[in-house]
N, C-alpha and C. Protein backbone atom coordinates (compact mmCIF):
# COMPACT_ATOMS: atom_id res chain seq x y z
N MET A 1 49.85 0.40 61.78
CA MET A 1 49.37 1.19 60.66
C MET A 1 47.95 1.66 60.97
N LEU A 2 47.68 2.89 60.63
CA LEU A 2 46.35 3.46 60.82
C LEU A 2 45.59 3.34 59.50
N VAL A 3 44.40 2.74 59.57
CA VAL A 3 43.61 2.45 58.38
C VAL A 3 42.23 3.05 58.55
N VAL A 4 41.81 3.86 57.58
CA VAL A 4 40.49 4.47 57.64
C VAL A 4 39.57 3.81 56.62
N ILE A 5 38.32 3.61 57.03
CA ILE A 5 37.29 3.11 56.12
C ILE A 5 36.24 4.19 56.01
N THR A 6 36.07 4.70 54.79
CA THR A 6 35.15 5.79 54.54
C THR A 6 34.03 5.32 53.61
N GLY A 7 33.10 6.21 53.36
CA GLY A 7 32.00 5.91 52.46
C GLY A 7 30.72 6.49 53.00
N GLY A 8 29.67 6.31 52.25
CA GLY A 8 28.37 6.83 52.66
C GLY A 8 27.76 6.00 53.78
N PRO A 9 26.69 6.52 54.37
CA PRO A 9 26.00 5.77 55.41
C PRO A 9 25.36 4.51 54.83
N GLY A 10 25.28 3.48 55.66
CA GLY A 10 24.59 2.26 55.26
C GLY A 10 25.31 1.41 54.24
N SER A 11 26.63 1.58 54.12
CA SER A 11 27.39 0.81 53.13
C SER A 11 28.19 -0.34 53.75
N GLY A 12 27.98 -0.58 55.05
CA GLY A 12 28.61 -1.73 55.70
C GLY A 12 29.94 -1.46 56.37
N LYS A 13 30.31 -0.20 56.56
CA LYS A 13 31.60 0.12 57.18
C LYS A 13 31.72 -0.41 58.60
N SER A 14 30.74 -0.07 59.42
CA SER A 14 30.80 -0.46 60.84
C SER A 14 30.73 -1.97 61.00
N THR A 15 29.91 -2.63 60.20
CA THR A 15 29.80 -4.09 60.26
C THR A 15 31.13 -4.73 59.88
N LEU A 16 31.78 -4.20 58.85
CA LEU A 16 33.09 -4.71 58.43
C LEU A 16 34.11 -4.52 59.53
N ILE A 17 34.14 -3.35 60.13
CA ILE A 17 35.12 -3.09 61.19
C ILE A 17 34.90 -4.03 62.36
N GLU A 18 33.65 -4.27 62.71
CA GLU A 18 33.36 -5.21 63.80
C GLU A 18 33.88 -6.61 63.44
N ALA A 19 33.70 -7.04 62.21
CA ALA A 19 34.21 -8.35 61.78
C ALA A 19 35.73 -8.38 61.86
N LEU A 20 36.37 -7.30 61.45
CA LEU A 20 37.84 -7.25 61.51
C LEU A 20 38.35 -7.23 62.95
N ARG A 21 37.57 -6.68 63.85
CA ARG A 21 37.96 -6.74 65.28
C ARG A 21 38.06 -8.19 65.73
N HIS A 22 37.17 -9.04 65.22
CA HIS A 22 37.21 -10.47 65.56
C HIS A 22 38.44 -11.17 64.98
N HIS A 23 39.10 -10.52 64.03
CA HIS A 23 40.35 -11.04 63.48
C HIS A 23 41.55 -10.45 64.20
N GLY A 24 41.32 -9.69 65.27
CA GLY A 24 42.41 -9.18 66.08
C GLY A 24 42.81 -7.75 65.83
N PHE A 25 42.10 -7.04 64.96
CA PHE A 25 42.43 -5.65 64.70
C PHE A 25 41.85 -4.75 65.79
N ALA A 26 42.57 -3.72 66.11
CA ALA A 26 42.05 -2.69 67.01
C ALA A 26 41.20 -1.74 66.18
N ALA A 27 40.23 -1.10 66.82
CA ALA A 27 39.37 -0.16 66.08
C ALA A 27 38.99 1.00 66.98
N MET A 28 38.86 2.14 66.34
CA MET A 28 38.39 3.35 67.02
C MET A 28 36.95 3.59 66.60
N PRO A 29 36.10 4.05 67.51
CA PRO A 29 34.68 4.20 67.19
C PRO A 29 34.39 5.37 66.25
N GLU A 30 33.26 5.25 65.55
CA GLU A 30 32.81 6.30 64.64
C GLU A 30 32.31 7.50 65.44
N ALA A 31 32.67 8.68 65.01
CA ALA A 31 32.26 9.91 65.69
C ALA A 31 30.79 10.23 65.50
N GLY A 32 30.32 10.19 64.27
CA GLY A 32 28.98 10.68 63.94
C GLY A 32 27.87 10.07 64.77
N ARG A 33 27.78 8.76 64.79
CA ARG A 33 26.70 8.11 65.54
C ARG A 33 26.80 8.38 67.03
N ALA A 34 28.02 8.36 67.55
CA ALA A 34 28.19 8.60 68.99
C ALA A 34 27.77 10.03 69.34
N ILE A 35 28.15 10.99 68.51
CA ILE A 35 27.77 12.38 68.77
C ILE A 35 26.26 12.53 68.70
N ILE A 36 25.63 11.92 67.70
CA ILE A 36 24.17 12.01 67.59
C ILE A 36 23.52 11.42 68.84
N ARG A 37 23.95 10.25 69.28
CA ARG A 37 23.37 9.63 70.49
C ARG A 37 23.54 10.55 71.70
N GLU A 38 24.76 11.09 71.87
CA GLU A 38 25.02 11.96 73.02
C GLU A 38 24.19 13.24 72.97
N GLN A 39 24.13 13.86 71.81
CA GLN A 39 23.39 15.11 71.68
C GLN A 39 21.89 14.90 71.87
N VAL A 40 21.36 13.82 71.34
CA VAL A 40 19.93 13.52 71.55
C VAL A 40 19.66 13.28 73.03
N ALA A 41 20.56 12.55 73.70
CA ALA A 41 20.37 12.22 75.12
C ALA A 41 20.33 13.46 76.00
N VAL A 42 21.11 14.49 75.65
CA VAL A 42 21.16 15.69 76.49
C VAL A 42 20.39 16.86 75.91
N GLY A 43 19.72 16.64 74.77
CA GLY A 43 18.99 17.73 74.13
C GLY A 43 19.90 18.77 73.52
N GLY A 44 21.07 18.33 73.07
CA GLY A 44 22.06 19.25 72.52
C GLY A 44 21.75 19.66 71.09
N PRO A 45 22.37 20.75 70.65
CA PRO A 45 22.10 21.28 69.31
C PRO A 45 23.01 20.73 68.21
N ALA A 46 24.08 20.01 68.56
CA ALA A 46 25.09 19.60 67.56
C ALA A 46 24.63 18.35 66.82
N LEU A 47 23.58 18.50 66.04
CA LEU A 47 23.02 17.40 65.26
C LEU A 47 23.07 17.78 63.78
N PRO A 48 23.27 16.83 62.90
CA PRO A 48 23.39 17.18 61.48
C PRO A 48 22.14 17.85 60.92
N TRP A 49 20.99 17.57 61.47
CA TRP A 49 19.74 18.17 60.99
C TRP A 49 19.38 19.45 61.75
N ALA A 50 20.16 19.80 62.78
CA ALA A 50 19.89 21.02 63.55
C ALA A 50 20.97 22.08 63.35
N ASP A 51 22.24 21.69 63.51
CA ASP A 51 23.35 22.63 63.37
C ASP A 51 24.54 21.89 62.74
N PRO A 52 24.54 21.75 61.40
CA PRO A 52 25.60 20.99 60.74
C PRO A 52 27.01 21.50 61.03
N GLY A 53 27.19 22.81 61.19
CA GLY A 53 28.51 23.35 61.48
C GLY A 53 29.03 22.91 62.84
N LEU A 54 28.18 22.97 63.84
CA LEU A 54 28.56 22.53 65.18
C LEU A 54 28.80 21.02 65.21
N PHE A 55 27.94 20.28 64.50
CA PHE A 55 28.12 18.83 64.39
C PHE A 55 29.49 18.52 63.79
N ALA A 56 29.88 19.24 62.74
CA ALA A 56 31.18 19.03 62.10
C ALA A 56 32.33 19.32 63.06
N GLU A 57 32.20 20.37 63.86
CA GLU A 57 33.26 20.69 64.82
C GLU A 57 33.42 19.59 65.87
N LEU A 58 32.30 19.04 66.34
CA LEU A 58 32.40 17.94 67.30
C LEU A 58 33.00 16.70 66.65
N MET A 59 32.63 16.43 65.40
CA MET A 59 33.24 15.28 64.70
C MET A 59 34.74 15.48 64.56
N LEU A 60 35.16 16.69 64.19
CA LEU A 60 36.60 16.96 64.05
C LEU A 60 37.31 16.72 65.37
N SER A 61 36.76 17.26 66.44
CA SER A 61 37.37 17.08 67.76
C SER A 61 37.47 15.60 68.12
N TRP A 62 36.38 14.88 67.90
CA TRP A 62 36.35 13.45 68.20
C TRP A 62 37.40 12.70 67.37
N ASP A 63 37.45 12.98 66.06
CA ASP A 63 38.37 12.26 65.19
C ASP A 63 39.83 12.59 65.50
N LEU A 64 40.12 13.84 65.88
CA LEU A 64 41.49 14.18 66.28
C LEU A 64 41.88 13.44 67.56
N ARG A 65 40.95 13.38 68.51
CA ARG A 65 41.23 12.64 69.75
C ARG A 65 41.44 11.16 69.46
N SER A 66 40.59 10.58 68.63
CA SER A 66 40.73 9.16 68.28
C SER A 66 42.09 8.90 67.65
N TYR A 67 42.51 9.78 66.78
CA TYR A 67 43.80 9.63 66.11
C TYR A 67 44.93 9.65 67.15
N ARG A 68 44.87 10.63 68.06
CA ARG A 68 45.91 10.74 69.10
C ARG A 68 45.92 9.53 70.03
N GLU A 69 44.74 8.99 70.33
CA GLU A 69 44.64 7.92 71.32
C GLU A 69 44.73 6.52 70.72
N ALA A 70 44.90 6.42 69.42
CA ALA A 70 45.00 5.10 68.78
C ALA A 70 46.22 4.36 69.30
N PRO A 71 46.08 3.05 69.50
CA PRO A 71 47.24 2.26 69.93
C PRO A 71 48.40 2.44 68.96
N ALA A 72 49.59 2.49 69.50
CA ALA A 72 50.78 2.75 68.68
C ALA A 72 51.27 1.52 67.93
N ASP A 73 50.85 0.33 68.36
CA ASP A 73 51.34 -0.87 67.69
C ASP A 73 50.18 -1.59 66.99
N GLY A 74 50.52 -2.33 65.96
CA GLY A 74 49.52 -3.07 65.22
C GLY A 74 48.73 -2.19 64.27
N THR A 75 47.72 -2.78 63.68
CA THR A 75 46.86 -2.05 62.75
C THR A 75 45.63 -1.57 63.49
N VAL A 76 45.30 -0.31 63.29
CA VAL A 76 44.15 0.30 63.95
C VAL A 76 43.19 0.78 62.87
N LEU A 77 41.93 0.38 62.97
CA LEU A 77 40.91 0.75 62.01
C LEU A 77 40.10 1.93 62.51
N PHE A 78 39.79 2.85 61.60
CA PHE A 78 38.98 4.02 61.91
C PHE A 78 37.71 3.97 61.07
N ASP A 79 36.58 4.10 61.73
CA ASP A 79 35.28 4.18 61.06
C ASP A 79 35.07 5.64 60.70
N ARG A 80 35.56 6.02 59.55
CA ARG A 80 35.66 7.40 59.07
C ARG A 80 36.85 8.08 59.75
N GLY A 81 37.24 9.22 59.20
CA GLY A 81 38.39 9.93 59.75
C GLY A 81 38.26 11.42 59.55
N VAL A 82 39.33 12.12 59.81
CA VAL A 82 39.35 13.58 59.76
C VAL A 82 38.94 14.09 58.38
N VAL A 83 39.37 13.44 57.33
CA VAL A 83 39.03 13.88 55.97
C VAL A 83 37.52 13.83 55.76
N ASP A 84 36.84 12.92 56.42
CA ASP A 84 35.38 12.83 56.29
C ASP A 84 34.68 14.10 56.77
N VAL A 85 35.29 14.81 57.70
CA VAL A 85 34.70 16.07 58.16
C VAL A 85 34.71 17.09 57.02
N ALA A 86 35.82 17.16 56.30
CA ALA A 86 35.88 18.05 55.14
C ALA A 86 34.84 17.64 54.10
N ALA A 87 34.70 16.34 53.88
CA ALA A 87 33.71 15.83 52.92
C ALA A 87 32.29 16.20 53.36
N TYR A 88 32.02 16.05 54.65
CA TYR A 88 30.69 16.37 55.18
C TYR A 88 30.36 17.85 54.98
N LEU A 89 31.31 18.71 55.27
CA LEU A 89 31.08 20.15 55.09
C LEU A 89 30.84 20.49 53.62
N ALA A 90 31.65 19.91 52.73
CA ALA A 90 31.47 20.17 51.30
C ALA A 90 30.10 19.66 50.84
N LEU A 91 29.71 18.48 51.29
CA LEU A 91 28.41 17.92 50.93
C LEU A 91 27.28 18.80 51.43
N SER A 92 27.48 19.42 52.59
CA SER A 92 26.46 20.28 53.19
C SER A 92 26.42 21.66 52.55
N GLY A 93 27.31 21.90 51.58
CA GLY A 93 27.35 23.21 50.92
C GLY A 93 28.01 24.28 51.77
N ARG A 94 28.76 23.86 52.76
CA ARG A 94 29.44 24.80 53.66
C ARG A 94 30.92 24.89 53.27
N PRO A 95 31.52 26.03 53.50
CA PRO A 95 32.96 26.13 53.24
C PRO A 95 33.73 25.25 54.23
N VAL A 96 34.84 24.72 53.77
CA VAL A 96 35.71 23.94 54.64
C VAL A 96 36.71 24.92 55.24
N PRO A 97 36.58 25.20 56.55
CA PRO A 97 37.45 26.21 57.18
C PRO A 97 38.93 25.80 57.15
N PRO A 98 39.81 26.78 57.23
CA PRO A 98 41.25 26.49 57.20
C PRO A 98 41.69 25.46 58.24
N HIS A 99 41.13 25.51 59.45
CA HIS A 99 41.58 24.55 60.47
C HIS A 99 41.17 23.12 60.12
N VAL A 100 40.05 22.94 59.44
CA VAL A 100 39.64 21.59 59.00
C VAL A 100 40.55 21.14 57.86
N ARG A 101 40.86 22.06 56.94
CA ARG A 101 41.79 21.73 55.85
C ARG A 101 43.16 21.34 56.41
N ALA A 102 43.63 22.10 57.40
CA ALA A 102 44.93 21.81 58.01
C ALA A 102 44.92 20.44 58.68
N ALA A 103 43.85 20.13 59.39
CA ALA A 103 43.75 18.83 60.05
C ALA A 103 43.73 17.70 59.01
N ALA A 104 42.95 17.87 57.95
CA ALA A 104 42.87 16.83 56.92
C ALA A 104 44.20 16.64 56.20
N ALA A 105 44.97 17.70 56.09
CA ALA A 105 46.27 17.62 55.42
C ALA A 105 47.35 17.02 56.30
N THR A 106 47.25 17.19 57.62
CA THR A 106 48.33 16.75 58.51
C THR A 106 48.05 15.45 59.24
N VAL A 107 46.80 15.14 59.50
CA VAL A 107 46.45 13.88 60.16
C VAL A 107 46.34 12.82 59.07
N ARG A 108 47.31 11.94 59.02
CA ARG A 108 47.39 10.99 57.90
C ARG A 108 47.15 9.56 58.35
N TYR A 109 46.48 8.82 57.49
CA TYR A 109 46.24 7.39 57.70
C TYR A 109 47.10 6.65 56.68
N GLY A 110 47.59 5.48 57.09
CA GLY A 110 48.48 4.71 56.22
C GLY A 110 47.76 4.13 55.01
N ARG A 111 46.52 3.74 55.17
CA ARG A 111 45.71 3.18 54.07
C ARG A 111 44.30 3.69 54.21
N ALA A 112 43.58 3.76 53.08
CA ALA A 112 42.20 4.21 53.08
C ALA A 112 41.36 3.33 52.16
N PHE A 113 40.27 2.83 52.70
CA PHE A 113 39.32 2.00 51.95
C PHE A 113 38.01 2.77 51.85
N ALA A 114 37.30 2.57 50.74
CA ALA A 114 36.00 3.22 50.54
C ALA A 114 34.94 2.16 50.32
N ALA A 115 33.87 2.26 51.11
CA ALA A 115 32.72 1.37 50.96
C ALA A 115 31.71 2.03 50.05
N PRO A 116 31.48 1.48 48.85
CA PRO A 116 30.55 2.12 47.91
C PRO A 116 29.10 1.97 48.36
N PRO A 117 28.23 2.82 47.84
CA PRO A 117 26.80 2.68 48.16
C PRO A 117 26.32 1.27 47.79
N TRP A 118 25.42 0.77 48.61
CA TRP A 118 24.96 -0.61 48.40
C TRP A 118 23.47 -0.65 48.71
N PRO A 119 22.64 -0.37 47.71
CA PRO A 119 21.19 -0.27 47.93
C PRO A 119 20.57 -1.49 48.61
N GLU A 120 21.10 -2.67 48.34
CA GLU A 120 20.50 -3.89 48.90
C GLU A 120 20.65 -4.00 50.42
N ILE A 121 21.63 -3.33 51.00
CA ILE A 121 21.80 -3.42 52.46
C ILE A 121 21.46 -2.11 53.17
N TYR A 122 21.17 -1.06 52.39
CA TYR A 122 20.93 0.25 53.00
C TYR A 122 19.63 0.25 53.81
N GLU A 123 19.72 0.77 55.04
CA GLU A 123 18.55 0.92 55.91
C GLU A 123 18.66 2.24 56.66
N ARG A 124 17.53 2.89 56.82
CA ARG A 124 17.45 4.07 57.69
C ARG A 124 17.20 3.60 59.11
N ASP A 125 17.60 4.44 60.07
CA ASP A 125 17.28 4.17 61.47
C ASP A 125 17.19 5.50 62.20
N ALA A 126 17.12 5.47 63.52
CA ALA A 126 16.93 6.70 64.30
C ALA A 126 18.08 7.69 64.12
N GLU A 127 19.28 7.19 63.87
CA GLU A 127 20.44 8.07 63.73
C GLU A 127 20.81 8.30 62.26
N ARG A 128 20.36 7.43 61.39
CA ARG A 128 20.66 7.53 59.95
C ARG A 128 19.38 7.98 59.25
N LYS A 129 19.27 9.27 59.07
CA LYS A 129 18.05 9.84 58.49
C LYS A 129 18.17 10.07 56.98
N GLN A 130 19.37 9.92 56.42
CA GLN A 130 19.58 10.17 55.00
C GLN A 130 18.88 9.11 54.16
N ASP A 131 18.41 9.53 52.97
CA ASP A 131 17.88 8.54 52.03
C ASP A 131 19.04 8.00 51.20
N LEU A 132 18.75 7.03 50.34
CA LEU A 132 19.81 6.40 49.55
C LEU A 132 20.49 7.40 48.62
N ASP A 133 19.75 8.33 48.06
CA ASP A 133 20.34 9.35 47.19
C ASP A 133 21.40 10.16 47.94
N GLU A 134 21.07 10.56 49.17
CA GLU A 134 22.06 11.31 49.97
C GLU A 134 23.24 10.42 50.35
N ALA A 135 23.00 9.15 50.61
CA ALA A 135 24.09 8.22 50.91
C ALA A 135 25.05 8.14 49.71
N GLU A 136 24.49 8.11 48.50
CA GLU A 136 25.33 8.07 47.31
C GLU A 136 26.11 9.37 47.13
N ARG A 137 25.49 10.50 47.41
CA ARG A 137 26.20 11.79 47.33
C ARG A 137 27.29 11.86 48.40
N THR A 138 27.02 11.29 49.58
CA THR A 138 28.02 11.28 50.64
C THR A 138 29.24 10.48 50.21
N TYR A 139 29.00 9.33 49.60
CA TYR A 139 30.10 8.51 49.11
C TYR A 139 30.95 9.30 48.11
N ALA A 140 30.29 9.96 47.16
CA ALA A 140 31.01 10.74 46.16
C ALA A 140 31.82 11.86 46.82
N ALA A 141 31.25 12.52 47.81
CA ALA A 141 31.96 13.59 48.52
C ALA A 141 33.16 13.04 49.27
N CYS A 142 33.01 11.87 49.89
CA CYS A 142 34.13 11.25 50.61
C CYS A 142 35.26 10.88 49.66
N VAL A 143 34.91 10.26 48.54
CA VAL A 143 35.93 9.89 47.55
C VAL A 143 36.66 11.13 47.06
N ALA A 144 35.92 12.18 46.73
CA ALA A 144 36.54 13.42 46.25
C ALA A 144 37.47 14.02 47.30
N ALA A 145 37.03 14.03 48.55
CA ALA A 145 37.86 14.61 49.62
C ALA A 145 39.13 13.81 49.85
N TYR A 146 39.02 12.48 49.92
CA TYR A 146 40.22 11.67 50.14
C TYR A 146 41.19 11.81 48.98
N GLU A 147 40.67 11.87 47.76
CA GLU A 147 41.55 12.07 46.61
C GLU A 147 42.20 13.45 46.67
N GLU A 148 41.43 14.47 47.06
CA GLU A 148 42.00 15.82 47.19
C GLU A 148 43.16 15.85 48.17
N TYR A 149 43.08 15.05 49.23
CA TYR A 149 44.14 15.04 50.24
C TYR A 149 45.19 13.97 49.98
N GLY A 150 45.21 13.43 48.75
CA GLY A 150 46.32 12.58 48.33
C GLY A 150 46.22 11.11 48.65
N TYR A 151 45.05 10.64 48.98
CA TYR A 151 44.89 9.21 49.29
C TYR A 151 44.60 8.42 48.02
N ASP A 152 45.14 7.21 47.98
CA ASP A 152 44.84 6.25 46.92
C ASP A 152 43.83 5.27 47.52
N LEU A 153 42.55 5.58 47.33
CA LEU A 153 41.49 4.78 47.93
C LEU A 153 41.40 3.40 47.30
N VAL A 154 41.16 2.41 48.15
CA VAL A 154 40.88 1.06 47.69
C VAL A 154 39.38 0.85 47.88
N THR A 155 38.68 0.55 46.79
CA THR A 155 37.24 0.35 46.87
C THR A 155 36.93 -1.06 47.36
N LEU A 156 36.10 -1.13 48.38
CA LEU A 156 35.69 -2.42 48.93
C LEU A 156 34.69 -3.09 47.99
N PRO A 157 34.76 -4.40 47.88
CA PRO A 157 33.77 -5.09 47.05
C PRO A 157 32.42 -5.16 47.76
N ARG A 158 31.36 -5.22 46.98
CA ARG A 158 30.03 -5.50 47.54
C ARG A 158 29.97 -7.02 47.66
N ALA A 159 30.30 -7.50 48.84
CA ALA A 159 30.41 -8.93 49.09
C ALA A 159 30.01 -9.18 50.55
N SER A 160 29.94 -10.43 50.91
CA SER A 160 29.59 -10.76 52.29
C SER A 160 30.59 -10.13 53.25
N VAL A 161 30.19 -10.02 54.50
CA VAL A 161 31.08 -9.43 55.50
C VAL A 161 32.39 -10.21 55.57
N GLY A 162 32.29 -11.52 55.57
CA GLY A 162 33.50 -12.35 55.62
C GLY A 162 34.40 -12.12 54.43
N GLU A 163 33.82 -12.03 53.25
CA GLU A 163 34.62 -11.79 52.04
C GLU A 163 35.26 -10.40 52.08
N ARG A 164 34.51 -9.42 52.55
CA ARG A 164 35.07 -8.06 52.68
C ARG A 164 36.23 -8.05 53.66
N ALA A 165 36.06 -8.74 54.78
CA ALA A 165 37.13 -8.80 55.79
C ALA A 165 38.38 -9.45 55.19
N ARG A 166 38.20 -10.55 54.49
CA ARG A 166 39.36 -11.21 53.86
C ARG A 166 40.02 -10.29 52.83
N PHE A 167 39.21 -9.53 52.09
CA PHE A 167 39.73 -8.58 51.12
C PHE A 167 40.64 -7.55 51.81
N VAL A 168 40.17 -6.98 52.91
CA VAL A 168 40.96 -5.98 53.64
C VAL A 168 42.23 -6.61 54.19
N ILE A 169 42.11 -7.78 54.79
CA ILE A 169 43.28 -8.45 55.36
C ILE A 169 44.32 -8.71 54.27
N ARG A 170 43.87 -9.19 53.11
CA ARG A 170 44.81 -9.41 52.00
C ARG A 170 45.43 -8.10 51.53
N ALA A 171 44.61 -7.05 51.41
CA ALA A 171 45.11 -5.75 50.95
C ALA A 171 46.15 -5.18 51.91
N LEU A 172 45.98 -5.47 53.18
CA LEU A 172 46.93 -4.98 54.18
C LEU A 172 48.13 -5.91 54.32
N GLY A 173 48.03 -7.11 53.71
CA GLY A 173 49.12 -8.06 53.78
C GLY A 173 49.33 -8.60 55.18
N GLN A 174 48.18 -8.83 55.89
CA GLN A 174 48.28 -9.27 57.28
C GLN A 174 47.37 -10.46 57.53
N ALA A 175 47.70 -11.18 58.58
CA ALA A 175 46.85 -12.28 59.03
C ALA A 175 45.89 -11.81 60.10
N GLY A 176 46.10 -10.65 60.65
CA GLY A 176 45.27 -10.10 61.72
C GLY A 176 45.94 -8.86 62.26
N GLY A 177 45.36 -8.27 63.28
CA GLY A 177 45.87 -7.00 63.80
C GLY A 177 47.07 -7.11 64.63
C-alpha cells in the first residue's frame, strides 16, 4: 500500500517517517528538501524563493518518479506526494496547470495522513525559510488539495514520535512494513 504523509513544513512528517522506517516500512524521500539542496549546490534557479513554477515542475517530476519506483510489496511511505504540488501552486497564487491536475487525479495513494501545524516543534533552517504563519497556510492548502482529489485524510495527533508511529501503524492495521 502506498501511504502519503502531507502537511505544512516543520510539523514532524520526516521525523515520523524515519521512525516508521525503524518499524520496517519502506519510504521514499521528500522532493522539496532534496531539490533545494541540489539547486543550491549547483547554483540552480529552481528554488521556491527564486522560481516557484520551476521548483513545482521539479517536485512533480521527482514525485512521479518516486511513485513509479516505489517497491511493489509492503507499505511504502511518501513524505508528501503529487497532490502536494497542486497545493503548493495554489498556495503560491499560481494556476494549477492541466498536467499537474491530471497527475494529482491519476497518481493515487492508498491512504493519506496530514500532520497539523505544531508551533512547539516548528523550527526554521537553511532549507525551511517559511515562518509559522506560512506553515499553517501550507497545511490548509494541502488539506484542501487532498480533499479536492477525493482523499479522506487522517489527521495525525500532536504526540511524541513514538505515539505518532503507533497511531499510523494502528490506522494501517499493520505490525510493520
